[in-house]
C-alpha cells in the first residue's frame, strides 16, 4: 500500500491491567493503565503504517530527547515530500531541521520554552508587541517558520511546509451556535486537518474491538497488532 502524502505521529494507549514493566499510568487519558504506543498513521484514512511500544525513559537516546527520537525512528523510510504533523511533545527546531534535511516536511504545535525559538513565541511581550485576537506574527529562519496566532489563547506552531503569510478562512462555531468564517494562518489550518490520523485509527480500532482479558502482556500487544 502506498504511503499517503500527509501523516500524523502521536501516542495511543492499549488497555492492560496485568503485571508488566512496560505498563504505563496516564491519569489524563481515557485508558489510564496500559501500554503507550507511538504510532504513525495516514491523516485521511487512519491507516497505521508504523508503531513502537514505549518501554521507558531509556528509549531516549543522545541529547535530543524522547520526542525527537520517536519521530526520527517512525519517519525512517518515508518517501520524500511527505508531510508529517505532531503535537508539542515532539516539536523542536532541531527535529524540524532534521526532517527537512531528509526532504520530509513537518508542522507541529510547539511549547514556548523550547530552545532556539524567536522572541515573538514567548508568553511575556511588551505591550506594543502583544497580539489582539485574530492577529498573528511569523518569523522565518530557513527552513523553519515560527508562527504565533492569538485565538482565545496563544497558538504557537513550527512549520517547514508553509509560507509565513499564507492564510485561509475556516468556519468556527460561536458561543451561540452560529458559524463564522475566521481568517487564520494556513499552517494552523493544515495542522488541524493533518494531525487527526492517529485519532482516526483509534476510532476505527474501538469500533472493531478484538481485545480480550489476558494476563500475558505479549497477548495484549498481539491482539493490538
N, C-alpha and C. Protein backbone atom coordinates (compact mmCIF):
# COMPACT_ATOMS: atom_id res chain seq x y z
N UNK A 1 0.85 -1.20 0.00
CA UNK A 1 0.00 0.00 0.00
C UNK A 1 0.89 1.25 0.00
N UNK A 2 0.61 2.20 -0.87
CA UNK A 2 1.42 3.40 -0.96
C UNK A 2 1.21 4.30 0.23
N UNK A 3 2.30 4.96 0.64
CA UNK A 3 2.19 5.91 1.74
C UNK A 3 1.39 7.13 1.30
N UNK A 4 0.62 7.67 2.23
CA UNK A 4 -0.08 8.91 1.98
C UNK A 4 0.91 10.06 2.06
N UNK A 5 0.58 11.16 1.41
CA UNK A 5 1.48 12.31 1.45
C UNK A 5 1.33 13.10 2.74
N UNK A 6 0.29 12.82 3.53
CA UNK A 6 0.09 13.51 4.81
C UNK A 6 -0.15 12.48 5.91
N UNK A 7 0.69 12.55 6.93
CA UNK A 7 0.61 11.58 8.02
C UNK A 7 0.79 12.27 9.35
N UNK A 8 0.40 11.58 10.42
CA UNK A 8 0.50 12.14 11.77
C UNK A 8 1.19 11.15 12.69
N UNK A 9 1.92 11.68 13.64
CA UNK A 9 2.56 10.87 14.68
C UNK A 9 2.02 11.31 16.03
N UNK A 10 1.58 10.35 16.81
CA UNK A 10 1.00 10.66 18.12
C UNK A 10 1.08 9.40 18.97
N UNK A 11 0.61 9.50 20.20
CA UNK A 11 0.59 8.34 21.09
C UNK A 11 -0.83 7.81 21.22
N UNK A 12 -0.95 6.52 21.48
CA UNK A 12 -2.23 5.93 21.84
C UNK A 12 -1.99 4.90 22.93
N UNK A 13 -3.05 4.50 23.61
CA UNK A 13 -2.93 3.59 24.74
C UNK A 13 -3.63 2.27 24.44
N UNK A 14 -3.01 1.17 24.88
CA UNK A 14 -3.60 -0.16 24.79
C UNK A 14 -3.86 -0.62 26.22
N UNK A 15 -5.11 -0.87 26.53
CA UNK A 15 -5.50 -1.20 27.90
C UNK A 15 -4.88 -2.50 28.37
N UNK A 16 -4.28 -2.47 29.57
CA UNK A 16 -3.71 -3.68 30.17
C UNK A 16 -3.60 -3.47 31.67
N UNK A 17 -4.19 -4.39 32.45
CA UNK A 17 -4.19 -4.25 33.91
C UNK A 17 -3.32 -5.30 34.60
N UNK A 18 -2.69 -6.16 33.81
CA UNK A 18 -1.82 -7.17 34.40
C UNK A 18 -0.48 -6.61 34.80
N UNK A 19 0.45 -7.50 35.12
CA UNK A 19 1.78 -7.08 35.55
C UNK A 19 2.73 -7.03 34.35
N UNK A 20 3.39 -5.90 34.24
CA UNK A 20 4.38 -5.74 33.18
C UNK A 20 5.21 -4.50 33.47
N UNK A 21 6.50 -4.61 33.24
CA UNK A 21 7.37 -3.44 33.42
C UNK A 21 7.13 -2.39 32.34
N UNK A 22 6.43 -2.77 31.29
CA UNK A 22 6.14 -1.84 30.19
C UNK A 22 4.89 -1.02 30.44
N UNK A 23 4.10 -1.42 31.43
CA UNK A 23 2.80 -0.75 31.66
C UNK A 23 3.01 0.69 32.14
N UNK A 24 2.21 1.59 31.60
CA UNK A 24 2.27 3.00 31.95
C UNK A 24 0.97 3.43 32.61
N UNK A 25 1.06 4.47 33.45
CA UNK A 25 -0.13 5.06 34.07
C UNK A 25 -0.29 6.47 33.54
N UNK A 26 -1.40 6.72 32.83
CA UNK A 26 -1.67 8.02 32.23
C UNK A 26 -3.01 8.54 32.75
N UNK A 27 -3.00 9.27 33.88
CA UNK A 27 -4.26 9.66 34.53
C UNK A 27 -5.18 10.54 33.70
N UNK A 28 -4.64 11.25 32.72
CA UNK A 28 -5.46 12.17 31.92
C UNK A 28 -6.01 11.53 30.65
N UNK A 29 -5.67 10.26 30.42
CA UNK A 29 -6.13 9.56 29.22
C UNK A 29 -7.39 8.75 29.51
N UNK A 30 -8.25 8.54 28.49
CA UNK A 30 -9.43 7.67 28.68
C UNK A 30 -9.02 6.27 29.14
N UNK A 31 -7.94 5.73 28.57
CA UNK A 31 -7.35 4.47 29.04
C UNK A 31 -6.18 4.85 29.93
N UNK A 32 -6.35 4.64 31.24
CA UNK A 32 -5.37 5.15 32.20
C UNK A 32 -4.20 4.21 32.42
N UNK A 33 -4.42 2.90 32.28
CA UNK A 33 -3.35 1.94 32.52
C UNK A 33 -3.20 1.02 31.32
N UNK A 34 -1.98 0.88 30.88
CA UNK A 34 -1.74 0.00 29.74
C UNK A 34 -0.42 0.33 29.08
N UNK A 35 -0.32 -0.04 27.81
CA UNK A 35 0.90 0.21 27.05
C UNK A 35 0.76 1.47 26.22
N UNK A 36 1.79 2.31 26.30
CA UNK A 36 1.83 3.52 25.47
C UNK A 36 2.44 3.14 24.13
N UNK A 37 1.75 3.48 23.06
CA UNK A 37 2.20 3.16 21.71
C UNK A 37 2.44 4.46 20.93
N UNK A 38 3.62 4.58 20.35
CA UNK A 38 3.88 5.67 19.41
C UNK A 38 3.43 5.18 18.03
N UNK A 39 2.59 5.95 17.36
CA UNK A 39 2.01 5.49 16.10
C UNK A 39 2.15 6.54 15.00
N UNK A 40 2.38 6.06 13.77
CA UNK A 40 2.37 6.91 12.57
C UNK A 40 1.24 6.45 11.67
N UNK A 41 0.28 7.33 11.44
CA UNK A 41 -0.95 6.96 10.72
C UNK A 41 -1.24 7.92 9.58
N UNK A 42 -1.96 7.42 8.60
CA UNK A 42 -2.45 8.23 7.48
C UNK A 42 -3.45 9.26 8.01
N UNK A 43 -3.28 10.51 7.62
CA UNK A 43 -4.13 11.58 8.14
C UNK A 43 -5.57 11.48 7.66
N UNK A 44 -5.78 10.93 6.48
CA UNK A 44 -7.13 10.86 5.92
C UNK A 44 -7.86 9.58 6.31
N UNK A 45 -7.18 8.45 6.23
CA UNK A 45 -7.84 7.16 6.44
C UNK A 45 -7.62 6.58 7.83
N UNK A 46 -6.59 7.06 8.54
CA UNK A 46 -6.26 6.48 9.83
C UNK A 46 -5.46 5.20 9.74
N UNK A 47 -5.03 4.82 8.54
CA UNK A 47 -4.28 3.57 8.36
C UNK A 47 -2.97 3.63 9.14
N UNK A 48 -2.69 2.61 9.94
CA UNK A 48 -1.49 2.55 10.76
C UNK A 48 -0.32 2.01 9.94
N UNK A 49 0.70 2.85 9.72
CA UNK A 49 1.87 2.43 8.95
C UNK A 49 2.98 1.86 9.82
N UNK A 50 3.17 2.46 10.98
CA UNK A 50 4.30 2.04 11.80
C UNK A 50 4.00 2.39 13.25
N UNK A 51 4.48 1.55 14.18
CA UNK A 51 4.29 1.85 15.59
C UNK A 51 5.47 1.32 16.40
N UNK A 52 5.57 1.83 17.61
CA UNK A 52 6.63 1.39 18.52
C UNK A 52 6.09 1.46 19.95
N UNK A 53 6.36 0.44 20.74
CA UNK A 53 5.91 0.41 22.13
C UNK A 53 6.90 1.19 22.99
N UNK A 54 6.37 2.08 23.81
CA UNK A 54 7.21 2.84 24.73
C UNK A 54 7.65 1.92 25.86
N UNK A 55 8.95 1.77 26.04
CA UNK A 55 9.47 0.85 27.06
C UNK A 55 10.06 1.57 28.26
N UNK A 56 10.07 2.88 28.25
CA UNK A 56 10.61 3.63 29.38
C UNK A 56 11.55 4.72 28.93
N UNK A 57 12.07 5.45 29.89
CA UNK A 57 12.91 6.61 29.58
C UNK A 57 14.17 6.23 28.82
N UNK A 58 14.56 4.98 28.91
CA UNK A 58 15.74 4.53 28.17
C UNK A 58 15.57 4.59 26.67
N UNK A 59 14.31 4.82 26.21
CA UNK A 59 14.07 4.95 24.77
C UNK A 59 14.76 6.19 24.20
N UNK A 60 15.00 7.17 25.06
CA UNK A 60 15.56 8.44 24.59
C UNK A 60 17.07 8.32 24.47
N UNK A 61 17.57 8.37 23.25
CA UNK A 61 18.99 8.26 23.00
C UNK A 61 19.54 9.63 22.61
N UNK A 62 20.83 9.79 22.82
CA UNK A 62 21.53 11.03 22.51
C UNK A 62 20.96 12.17 23.36
N UNK A 63 21.20 13.39 22.95
CA UNK A 63 20.79 14.54 23.77
C UNK A 63 19.53 15.22 23.26
N UNK A 64 18.93 14.71 22.20
CA UNK A 64 17.81 15.40 21.58
C UNK A 64 16.49 15.16 22.30
N UNK A 65 16.39 14.13 23.09
CA UNK A 65 15.16 13.89 23.83
C UNK A 65 14.29 12.81 23.21
N UNK A 66 13.32 12.36 23.99
CA UNK A 66 12.47 11.25 23.58
C UNK A 66 11.64 11.59 22.35
N UNK A 67 10.99 12.76 22.35
CA UNK A 67 10.12 13.13 21.23
C UNK A 67 10.87 13.15 19.91
N UNK A 68 12.06 13.71 19.92
CA UNK A 68 12.90 13.77 18.72
C UNK A 68 13.17 12.37 18.20
N UNK A 69 13.61 11.48 19.09
CA UNK A 69 13.99 10.13 18.69
C UNK A 69 12.81 9.31 18.17
N UNK A 70 11.64 9.51 18.79
CA UNK A 70 10.44 8.78 18.34
C UNK A 70 10.11 9.15 16.90
N UNK A 71 10.09 10.44 16.60
CA UNK A 71 9.73 10.89 15.25
C UNK A 71 10.76 10.43 14.23
N UNK A 72 12.05 10.53 14.57
CA UNK A 72 13.09 10.10 13.64
C UNK A 72 12.96 8.61 13.34
N UNK A 73 12.70 7.80 14.35
CA UNK A 73 12.53 6.36 14.14
C UNK A 73 11.32 6.06 13.27
N UNK A 74 10.19 6.70 13.60
CA UNK A 74 8.95 6.39 12.89
C UNK A 74 8.91 7.00 11.49
N UNK A 75 9.80 7.91 11.19
CA UNK A 75 9.83 8.51 9.84
C UNK A 75 10.86 7.85 8.94
N UNK A 76 11.58 6.86 9.47
CA UNK A 76 12.58 6.16 8.66
C UNK A 76 11.91 5.47 7.48
N UNK A 77 12.41 5.71 6.29
CA UNK A 77 11.85 5.07 5.10
C UNK A 77 10.69 5.81 4.47
N UNK A 78 10.28 6.94 5.04
CA UNK A 78 9.21 7.72 4.42
C UNK A 78 9.68 8.28 3.08
N UNK A 79 8.80 8.31 2.08
CA UNK A 79 9.18 8.91 0.80
C UNK A 79 9.36 10.42 0.92
N UNK A 80 10.17 10.99 0.06
CA UNK A 80 10.37 12.43 0.06
C UNK A 80 9.06 13.16 -0.20
N UNK A 81 8.99 14.37 0.36
CA UNK A 81 7.84 15.28 0.20
C UNK A 81 6.61 14.86 1.00
N UNK A 82 6.74 13.84 1.86
CA UNK A 82 5.67 13.54 2.80
C UNK A 82 5.58 14.68 3.81
N UNK A 83 4.36 14.99 4.28
CA UNK A 83 4.20 15.98 5.33
C UNK A 83 3.76 15.28 6.61
N UNK A 84 4.49 15.53 7.68
CA UNK A 84 4.20 14.95 8.99
C UNK A 84 3.64 16.02 9.91
N UNK A 85 2.68 15.64 10.74
CA UNK A 85 2.17 16.52 11.78
C UNK A 85 2.34 15.83 13.13
N UNK A 86 2.69 16.60 14.15
CA UNK A 86 2.80 16.06 15.50
C UNK A 86 2.60 17.20 16.49
N UNK A 87 2.33 16.85 17.76
CA UNK A 87 1.98 17.88 18.73
C UNK A 87 3.22 18.39 19.46
N UNK A 88 2.98 19.22 20.48
CA UNK A 88 4.09 19.94 21.11
C UNK A 88 5.00 19.07 21.97
N UNK A 89 4.61 17.81 22.22
CA UNK A 89 5.53 16.90 22.92
C UNK A 89 6.76 16.62 22.05
N UNK A 90 6.56 16.57 20.75
CA UNK A 90 7.61 16.19 19.82
C UNK A 90 8.35 17.39 19.22
N UNK A 91 7.65 18.48 18.97
CA UNK A 91 8.17 19.56 18.13
C UNK A 91 9.35 20.30 18.74
N UNK A 92 10.39 20.44 17.94
CA UNK A 92 11.54 21.27 18.30
C UNK A 92 12.19 21.75 17.01
N UNK A 93 13.00 22.79 17.11
CA UNK A 93 13.68 23.30 15.91
C UNK A 93 14.62 22.24 15.33
N UNK A 94 15.33 21.53 16.20
CA UNK A 94 16.26 20.51 15.72
C UNK A 94 15.54 19.41 14.95
N UNK A 95 14.38 19.00 15.44
CA UNK A 95 13.62 17.96 14.76
C UNK A 95 13.13 18.44 13.40
N UNK A 96 12.59 19.65 13.35
CA UNK A 96 12.09 20.17 12.07
C UNK A 96 13.21 20.24 11.04
N UNK A 97 14.39 20.67 11.47
CA UNK A 97 15.52 20.78 10.56
C UNK A 97 15.99 19.39 10.10
N UNK A 98 16.04 18.43 11.04
CA UNK A 98 16.50 17.08 10.69
C UNK A 98 15.57 16.43 9.67
N UNK A 99 14.27 16.62 9.82
CA UNK A 99 13.31 16.07 8.87
C UNK A 99 13.46 16.74 7.51
N UNK A 100 13.65 18.05 7.52
CA UNK A 100 13.77 18.80 6.27
C UNK A 100 15.00 18.34 5.49
N UNK A 101 16.06 18.00 6.21
CA UNK A 101 17.27 17.51 5.54
C UNK A 101 17.02 16.19 4.83
N UNK A 102 15.98 15.46 5.27
CA UNK A 102 15.60 14.20 4.62
C UNK A 102 14.47 14.43 3.62
N UNK A 103 14.20 15.71 3.30
CA UNK A 103 13.13 16.10 2.36
C UNK A 103 11.75 15.66 2.85
N UNK A 104 11.56 15.73 4.16
CA UNK A 104 10.25 15.49 4.76
C UNK A 104 9.78 16.79 5.38
N UNK A 105 8.59 17.25 4.97
CA UNK A 105 8.03 18.47 5.53
C UNK A 105 7.32 18.16 6.84
N UNK A 106 7.23 19.16 7.70
CA UNK A 106 6.62 18.92 9.00
C UNK A 106 5.92 20.17 9.51
N UNK A 107 4.89 19.94 10.35
CA UNK A 107 4.19 21.03 11.01
C UNK A 107 3.78 20.53 12.39
N UNK A 108 3.95 21.37 13.40
CA UNK A 108 3.61 20.92 14.75
C UNK A 108 3.48 22.08 15.71
N UNK A 109 2.55 21.97 16.65
CA UNK A 109 2.49 22.94 17.74
C UNK A 109 3.75 22.82 18.57
N UNK A 110 4.15 23.91 19.20
CA UNK A 110 5.43 23.90 19.92
C UNK A 110 5.28 24.58 21.28
N UNK A 111 5.96 24.03 22.27
CA UNK A 111 6.00 24.63 23.60
C UNK A 111 6.90 25.86 23.57
N UNK A 112 6.46 26.92 24.23
CA UNK A 112 7.18 28.20 24.12
C UNK A 112 8.51 28.19 24.85
N UNK A 113 8.78 27.15 25.66
CA UNK A 113 10.07 27.09 26.36
C UNK A 113 11.11 26.25 25.61
N UNK A 114 10.79 25.84 24.39
CA UNK A 114 11.78 25.09 23.59
C UNK A 114 12.96 25.99 23.22
N UNK A 115 14.10 25.36 23.01
CA UNK A 115 15.31 26.11 22.65
C UNK A 115 15.20 26.69 21.24
N UNK A 116 15.86 27.81 21.04
CA UNK A 116 16.06 28.42 19.72
C UNK A 116 14.80 29.06 19.12
N UNK A 117 13.76 29.25 19.92
CA UNK A 117 12.56 29.91 19.40
C UNK A 117 12.74 31.42 19.40
N UNK A 118 12.13 32.13 18.43
CA UNK A 118 12.25 33.59 18.41
C UNK A 118 11.46 34.24 19.54
N UNK A 119 11.76 35.50 19.82
CA UNK A 119 11.14 36.22 20.93
C UNK A 119 9.62 36.30 20.81
N UNK A 120 9.10 36.34 19.58
CA UNK A 120 7.65 36.50 19.42
C UNK A 120 6.86 35.32 19.99
N UNK A 121 7.52 34.18 20.16
CA UNK A 121 6.82 32.99 20.63
C UNK A 121 6.64 32.98 22.14
N UNK A 122 7.38 33.80 22.84
CA UNK A 122 7.32 33.78 24.30
C UNK A 122 6.05 34.44 24.81
N UNK A 123 5.63 34.00 25.99
CA UNK A 123 4.35 34.46 26.54
C UNK A 123 4.40 35.94 26.90
N UNK A 124 5.43 36.36 27.58
CA UNK A 124 5.51 37.76 28.03
C UNK A 124 6.08 38.63 26.91
N UNK A 125 5.29 39.61 26.50
CA UNK A 125 5.69 40.51 25.42
C UNK A 125 5.44 41.95 25.86
N UNK A 126 6.26 42.89 25.37
CA UNK A 126 5.95 44.31 25.63
C UNK A 126 4.56 44.65 25.10
N UNK A 127 3.93 45.60 25.72
CA UNK A 127 2.54 45.91 25.39
C UNK A 127 2.35 46.22 23.91
N UNK A 128 3.30 46.93 23.30
CA UNK A 128 3.15 47.33 21.90
C UNK A 128 3.34 46.15 20.93
N UNK A 129 3.85 45.00 21.44
CA UNK A 129 4.05 43.83 20.58
C UNK A 129 2.99 42.75 20.81
N UNK A 130 2.09 42.96 21.75
CA UNK A 130 1.09 41.94 22.05
C UNK A 130 0.06 41.86 20.93
N UNK A 131 -0.35 40.64 20.64
CA UNK A 131 -1.34 40.41 19.58
C UNK A 131 -2.75 40.62 20.10
N UNK A 132 -3.61 41.10 19.23
CA UNK A 132 -5.03 41.12 19.53
C UNK A 132 -5.67 39.87 18.94
N UNK A 133 -6.84 39.52 19.42
CA UNK A 133 -7.48 38.28 18.97
C UNK A 133 -7.63 38.27 17.45
N UNK A 134 -7.19 37.17 16.83
CA UNK A 134 -7.26 37.03 15.39
C UNK A 134 -5.98 37.43 14.67
N UNK A 135 -5.08 38.12 15.35
CA UNK A 135 -3.82 38.54 14.74
C UNK A 135 -2.78 37.43 14.87
N UNK A 136 -1.79 37.46 13.98
CA UNK A 136 -0.69 36.51 14.09
C UNK A 136 0.62 37.18 13.70
N UNK A 137 1.70 36.60 14.17
CA UNK A 137 3.05 37.06 13.83
C UNK A 137 3.86 35.85 13.40
N UNK A 138 4.82 36.07 12.51
CA UNK A 138 5.63 34.96 12.00
C UNK A 138 7.07 35.41 11.79
N UNK A 139 7.98 34.49 12.06
CA UNK A 139 9.41 34.71 11.84
C UNK A 139 9.97 33.49 11.12
N UNK A 140 10.75 33.71 10.07
CA UNK A 140 11.33 32.59 9.32
C UNK A 140 12.84 32.61 9.41
N UNK A 141 13.40 31.45 9.74
CA UNK A 141 14.84 31.21 9.63
C UNK A 141 14.95 29.91 8.86
N UNK A 142 15.21 30.02 7.57
CA UNK A 142 15.15 28.86 6.67
C UNK A 142 15.80 27.61 7.30
N UNK A 143 15.09 26.47 7.26
CA UNK A 143 13.83 26.24 6.55
C UNK A 143 12.59 26.33 7.43
N UNK A 144 12.74 26.86 8.66
CA UNK A 144 11.67 26.79 9.65
C UNK A 144 10.96 28.14 9.77
N UNK A 145 9.64 28.10 9.82
CA UNK A 145 8.84 29.28 10.12
C UNK A 145 8.14 29.08 11.45
N UNK A 146 8.28 30.06 12.34
CA UNK A 146 7.59 30.05 13.63
C UNK A 146 6.41 31.01 13.55
N UNK A 147 5.23 30.53 13.95
CA UNK A 147 4.00 31.34 13.86
C UNK A 147 3.32 31.36 15.22
N UNK A 148 2.88 32.54 15.61
CA UNK A 148 2.08 32.70 16.83
C UNK A 148 0.78 33.39 16.46
N UNK A 149 -0.33 32.76 16.79
CA UNK A 149 -1.66 33.28 16.45
C UNK A 149 -2.48 33.35 17.73
N UNK A 150 -3.16 34.46 17.94
CA UNK A 150 -3.98 34.62 19.13
C UNK A 150 -5.43 34.29 18.81
N UNK A 151 -5.89 33.18 19.35
CA UNK A 151 -7.30 32.81 19.28
C UNK A 151 -7.89 33.16 20.64
N UNK A 152 -8.55 32.25 21.32
CA UNK A 152 -8.93 32.51 22.70
C UNK A 152 -7.69 32.46 23.60
N UNK A 153 -6.65 31.81 23.09
CA UNK A 153 -5.33 31.80 23.74
C UNK A 153 -4.28 31.73 22.64
N UNK A 154 -3.03 31.84 23.02
CA UNK A 154 -1.95 31.78 22.04
C UNK A 154 -1.84 30.38 21.44
N UNK A 155 -1.68 30.32 20.11
CA UNK A 155 -1.38 29.09 19.41
C UNK A 155 -0.01 29.27 18.77
N UNK A 156 0.95 28.42 19.14
CA UNK A 156 2.31 28.54 18.62
C UNK A 156 2.66 27.30 17.82
N UNK A 157 3.27 27.50 16.66
CA UNK A 157 3.46 26.40 15.72
C UNK A 157 4.76 26.59 14.95
N UNK A 158 5.40 25.48 14.60
CA UNK A 158 6.56 25.50 13.71
C UNK A 158 6.20 24.74 12.44
N UNK A 159 6.70 25.20 11.31
CA UNK A 159 6.40 24.54 10.04
C UNK A 159 7.57 24.68 9.08
N UNK A 160 7.76 23.66 8.25
CA UNK A 160 8.70 23.76 7.13
C UNK A 160 7.95 23.58 5.81
N UNK A 161 6.62 23.62 5.88
CA UNK A 161 5.80 23.32 4.70
C UNK A 161 4.94 24.50 4.25
N UNK A 162 4.98 25.62 4.95
CA UNK A 162 4.05 26.71 4.64
C UNK A 162 4.77 28.05 4.61
N UNK A 163 4.25 28.93 3.74
CA UNK A 163 4.75 30.29 3.68
C UNK A 163 4.20 31.08 4.88
N UNK A 164 5.01 31.93 5.50
CA UNK A 164 4.56 32.60 6.73
C UNK A 164 3.35 33.51 6.57
N UNK A 165 3.10 34.02 5.37
CA UNK A 165 1.98 34.95 5.20
C UNK A 165 0.73 34.29 4.61
N UNK A 166 0.78 32.99 4.31
CA UNK A 166 -0.40 32.31 3.74
C UNK A 166 -1.50 32.19 4.78
N UNK A 167 -2.72 32.56 4.40
CA UNK A 167 -3.86 32.48 5.30
C UNK A 167 -5.05 31.83 4.58
N UNK A 168 -5.99 31.31 5.36
CA UNK A 168 -7.21 30.72 4.82
C UNK A 168 -8.37 31.07 5.75
N UNK A 169 -9.57 31.03 5.20
CA UNK A 169 -10.78 31.21 6.00
C UNK A 169 -11.28 29.84 6.45
N UNK A 170 -11.59 29.70 7.72
CA UNK A 170 -12.20 28.47 8.25
C UNK A 170 -13.45 28.85 9.03
N UNK A 171 -14.41 27.94 9.06
CA UNK A 171 -15.64 28.19 9.80
C UNK A 171 -15.46 27.78 11.25
N UNK A 172 -15.80 28.71 12.14
CA UNK A 172 -15.68 28.45 13.58
C UNK A 172 -17.05 28.57 14.22
N UNK A 173 -17.34 27.66 15.14
CA UNK A 173 -18.62 27.70 15.86
C UNK A 173 -18.53 28.73 16.99
N UNK A 174 -19.49 29.64 17.01
CA UNK A 174 -19.53 30.66 18.05
C UNK A 174 -20.30 30.16 19.28
N UNK A 175 -20.27 30.93 20.35
CA UNK A 175 -20.94 30.53 21.59
C UNK A 175 -22.44 30.34 21.40
N UNK A 176 -23.04 31.11 20.47
CA UNK A 176 -24.48 30.99 20.24
C UNK A 176 -24.82 29.88 19.25
N UNK A 177 -23.81 29.12 18.81
CA UNK A 177 -24.05 28.00 17.91
C UNK A 177 -23.95 28.34 16.44
N UNK A 178 -23.81 29.62 16.11
CA UNK A 178 -23.70 30.03 14.71
C UNK A 178 -22.27 29.78 14.20
N UNK A 179 -22.16 29.72 12.86
CA UNK A 179 -20.86 29.53 12.22
C UNK A 179 -20.34 30.88 11.71
N UNK A 180 -19.07 31.11 11.91
CA UNK A 180 -18.47 32.35 11.45
C UNK A 180 -17.14 32.04 10.77
N UNK A 181 -16.90 32.69 9.63
CA UNK A 181 -15.63 32.50 8.93
C UNK A 181 -14.55 33.34 9.59
N UNK A 182 -13.43 32.67 9.90
CA UNK A 182 -12.32 33.33 10.58
C UNK A 182 -11.06 33.15 9.74
N UNK A 183 -10.28 34.21 9.62
CA UNK A 183 -9.03 34.15 8.88
C UNK A 183 -7.92 33.67 9.80
N UNK A 184 -7.26 32.57 9.43
CA UNK A 184 -6.19 32.03 10.26
C UNK A 184 -4.98 31.66 9.38
N UNK A 185 -3.80 31.54 9.96
CA UNK A 185 -2.64 31.10 9.18
C UNK A 185 -2.88 29.72 8.58
N UNK A 186 -2.47 29.54 7.34
CA UNK A 186 -2.69 28.27 6.65
C UNK A 186 -2.00 27.11 7.36
N UNK A 187 -0.85 27.37 7.97
CA UNK A 187 -0.11 26.31 8.67
C UNK A 187 -0.95 25.72 9.80
N UNK A 188 -1.68 26.57 10.51
CA UNK A 188 -2.51 26.10 11.62
C UNK A 188 -3.71 25.32 11.11
N UNK A 189 -4.30 25.80 10.02
CA UNK A 189 -5.43 25.07 9.42
C UNK A 189 -5.00 23.70 8.93
N UNK A 190 -3.83 23.63 8.28
CA UNK A 190 -3.32 22.36 7.77
C UNK A 190 -2.93 21.42 8.91
N UNK A 191 -2.39 21.97 9.97
CA UNK A 191 -2.05 21.15 11.14
C UNK A 191 -3.31 20.48 11.70
N UNK A 192 -4.37 21.24 11.83
CA UNK A 192 -5.63 20.69 12.36
C UNK A 192 -6.15 19.55 11.50
N UNK A 193 -6.05 19.71 10.18
CA UNK A 193 -6.54 18.67 9.26
C UNK A 193 -5.64 17.44 9.24
N UNK A 194 -4.34 17.66 9.38
CA UNK A 194 -3.38 16.57 9.24
C UNK A 194 -3.19 15.77 10.52
N UNK A 195 -3.34 16.44 11.66
CA UNK A 195 -2.98 15.83 12.94
C UNK A 195 -3.93 14.71 13.35
N UNK A 196 -5.10 14.61 12.73
CA UNK A 196 -6.11 13.66 13.19
C UNK A 196 -5.90 12.21 12.82
N UNK A 197 -4.79 11.86 12.18
CA UNK A 197 -4.59 10.50 11.70
C UNK A 197 -4.66 9.44 12.78
N UNK A 198 -3.98 9.65 13.89
CA UNK A 198 -3.96 8.67 14.97
C UNK A 198 -5.32 8.59 15.65
N UNK A 199 -6.01 9.74 15.75
CA UNK A 199 -7.37 9.73 16.30
C UNK A 199 -8.30 8.90 15.43
N UNK A 200 -8.17 9.01 14.09
CA UNK A 200 -8.96 8.17 13.19
C UNK A 200 -8.69 6.69 13.45
N UNK A 201 -7.41 6.37 13.58
CA UNK A 201 -7.03 4.99 13.83
C UNK A 201 -7.64 4.48 15.13
N UNK A 202 -7.55 5.28 16.20
CA UNK A 202 -8.11 4.89 17.49
C UNK A 202 -9.62 4.69 17.40
N UNK A 203 -10.28 5.56 16.63
CA UNK A 203 -11.74 5.45 16.46
C UNK A 203 -12.11 4.14 15.77
N UNK A 204 -11.41 3.83 14.68
CA UNK A 204 -11.71 2.59 13.97
C UNK A 204 -11.38 1.38 14.82
N UNK A 205 -10.30 1.47 15.57
CA UNK A 205 -9.89 0.35 16.43
C UNK A 205 -10.94 0.09 17.51
N UNK A 206 -11.52 1.16 18.06
CA UNK A 206 -12.53 1.00 19.11
C UNK A 206 -13.86 0.49 18.54
N UNK A 207 -14.07 0.74 17.23
CA UNK A 207 -15.31 0.29 16.59
C UNK A 207 -15.29 -1.21 16.30
N UNK A 208 -14.10 -1.77 16.17
CA UNK A 208 -13.96 -3.19 15.87
C UNK A 208 -13.03 -3.85 16.88
N UNK A 209 -13.46 -3.89 18.16
CA UNK A 209 -12.55 -4.39 19.19
C UNK A 209 -12.34 -5.90 19.09
N UNK A 210 -11.10 -6.32 19.23
CA UNK A 210 -10.82 -7.75 19.27
C UNK A 210 -10.03 -8.10 20.53
N UNK A 211 -9.88 -7.10 21.44
CA UNK A 211 -9.10 -7.35 22.64
C UNK A 211 -9.83 -8.33 23.57
N UNK A 212 -9.07 -9.05 24.35
CA UNK A 212 -9.59 -10.00 25.32
C UNK A 212 -8.83 -9.83 26.63
N UNK A 213 -9.48 -10.13 27.73
CA UNK A 213 -8.80 -10.08 29.01
C UNK A 213 -7.72 -11.16 29.04
N UNK A 214 -6.52 -10.76 29.37
CA UNK A 214 -5.43 -11.72 29.42
C UNK A 214 -4.34 -11.19 30.35
N UNK A 215 -3.65 -12.11 30.99
CA UNK A 215 -2.60 -11.73 31.93
C UNK A 215 -1.24 -11.61 31.26
N UNK A 216 -1.09 -12.18 30.12
CA UNK A 216 0.18 -12.13 29.40
C UNK A 216 0.25 -10.85 28.57
N UNK A 217 1.27 -10.05 28.83
CA UNK A 217 1.35 -8.76 28.14
C UNK A 217 1.52 -8.94 26.63
N UNK A 218 2.25 -9.99 26.22
CA UNK A 218 2.51 -10.16 24.79
C UNK A 218 1.23 -10.48 24.02
N UNK A 219 0.26 -11.13 24.70
CA UNK A 219 -1.01 -11.41 24.03
C UNK A 219 -1.79 -10.12 23.78
N UNK A 220 -1.73 -9.20 24.74
CA UNK A 220 -2.41 -7.91 24.56
C UNK A 220 -1.82 -7.16 23.37
N UNK A 221 -0.50 -7.16 23.27
CA UNK A 221 0.16 -6.49 22.14
C UNK A 221 -0.18 -7.21 20.82
N UNK A 222 -0.21 -8.53 20.87
CA UNK A 222 -0.55 -9.32 19.67
C UNK A 222 -1.95 -8.97 19.18
N UNK A 223 -2.91 -8.86 20.08
CA UNK A 223 -4.28 -8.52 19.69
C UNK A 223 -4.36 -7.09 19.14
N UNK A 224 -3.55 -6.22 19.69
CA UNK A 224 -3.50 -4.85 19.17
C UNK A 224 -3.02 -4.85 17.71
N UNK A 225 -1.98 -5.65 17.44
CA UNK A 225 -1.46 -5.74 16.08
C UNK A 225 -2.49 -6.33 15.14
